[in-house]
Protein backbone atom coordinates (compact mmCIF):
# COMPACT_ATOMS: atom_id res chain seq x y z
CA MET A 1 -11.75 -14.78 1.25
CA ILE A 2 -9.53 -11.49 1.56
CA ALA A 3 -8.52 -11.25 -1.99
CA ALA A 4 -11.04 -9.84 -4.78
CA MET A 5 -10.13 -8.05 -8.57
CA CYS A 6 -10.97 -4.91 -8.59
CA VAL A 7 -13.07 -3.24 -11.90
CA CYS A 8 -9.99 -2.42 -13.23
CA ALA A 9 -8.12 -6.09 -12.86
CA CYS A 10 -5.07 -4.30 -12.86
CA LYS A 11 -3.82 -5.00 -9.52
CA PRO A 12 -5.56 -7.50 -7.14
CA SER A 13 -8.11 -5.54 -4.22
CA TYR A 14 -7.82 -6.57 -0.55
CA ASP A 15 -10.66 -5.65 2.00
CA SER A 16 -7.82 -4.09 3.55
CA SER A 17 -7.23 -1.82 0.53
CA LEU A 18 -7.82 1.91 1.08
CA THR A 19 -10.46 3.93 -1.48
CA ASP A 20 -9.78 6.60 -3.19
CA ALA A 21 -11.41 8.32 -0.60
CA GLN A 22 -9.31 6.97 2.14
CA TRP A 23 -6.15 7.79 0.35
CA ALA A 24 -7.07 11.16 -0.75
CA VAL A 25 -7.27 11.83 3.13
CA ILE A 26 -4.13 10.20 4.49
CA GLU A 27 -1.55 11.50 1.43
CA PRO A 28 -1.28 15.38 2.79
CA LEU A 29 -0.09 13.29 6.45
CA LEU A 30 2.43 11.46 4.63
CA PRO A 31 6.03 13.67 4.76
CA VAL A 32 6.95 15.08 1.43
CA ARG A 33 10.37 13.45 -0.31
CA ASP A 34 12.22 16.40 -1.28
CA PRO A 35 14.96 15.20 -3.60
CA SER A 36 16.97 18.37 -3.31
CA ARG A 37 17.73 17.30 0.68
CA GLY A 38 19.29 13.85 -1.05
CA GLY A 39 17.63 10.48 0.10
CA ARG A 40 16.99 7.03 -2.33
CA PRO A 41 14.50 7.52 -4.95
CA LEU A 42 11.22 6.00 -3.47
CA LYS A 43 11.20 2.31 -4.84
CA PHE A 44 7.39 1.22 -4.26
CA PRO A 45 4.53 3.68 -4.45
CA ARG A 46 3.50 5.40 -1.22
CA ARG A 47 -0.45 4.05 -1.42
CA LEU A 48 1.26 0.82 -2.24
CA VAL A 49 3.36 0.65 0.81
CA VAL A 50 0.24 2.13 3.04
CA ASP A 51 -1.98 -1.05 1.69
CA THR A 52 0.67 -3.43 2.25
CA VAL A 53 0.70 -1.95 6.11
CA LEU A 54 -3.12 -2.09 6.45
CA TYR A 55 -3.07 -5.83 4.56
CA VAL A 56 -0.91 -7.47 7.71
CA LEU A 57 -2.71 -5.65 10.33
CA VAL A 58 -6.24 -6.31 9.14
CA SER A 59 -5.04 -10.11 8.25
CA GLY A 60 -2.90 -10.46 10.87
CA CYS A 61 -0.71 -12.57 8.64
CA ALA A 62 3.25 -12.18 9.44
CA TRP A 63 5.30 -10.04 7.13
CA ARG A 64 6.62 -12.87 5.00
CA LEU A 65 3.82 -14.08 4.11
CA VAL A 66 2.16 -10.96 2.57
CA PRO A 67 1.02 -11.44 -1.19
CA HIS A 68 3.81 -10.92 -4.01
CA ASP A 69 1.93 -7.88 -5.00
CA LEU A 70 2.33 -5.93 -2.26
CA VAL A 71 5.42 -4.39 -1.28
CA PRO A 72 8.00 -7.38 0.45
CA TRP A 73 8.83 -7.41 3.73
């Protein structure tokens, strides 16, 4: 089974979901969004986007089959 509820029960957690420690390592590697340079506001939190990509890579599922609580394809 891939889905398991997290301790806080705020959203499902998956085997592919990043831990807080892993996110702390990855987050500084992502480009910083500078609103003064224009561009669209973020529609989804960056961590959720990374978790969605990891879910597809680990599970091997098609983007259309990504669970609805993750970022839509």
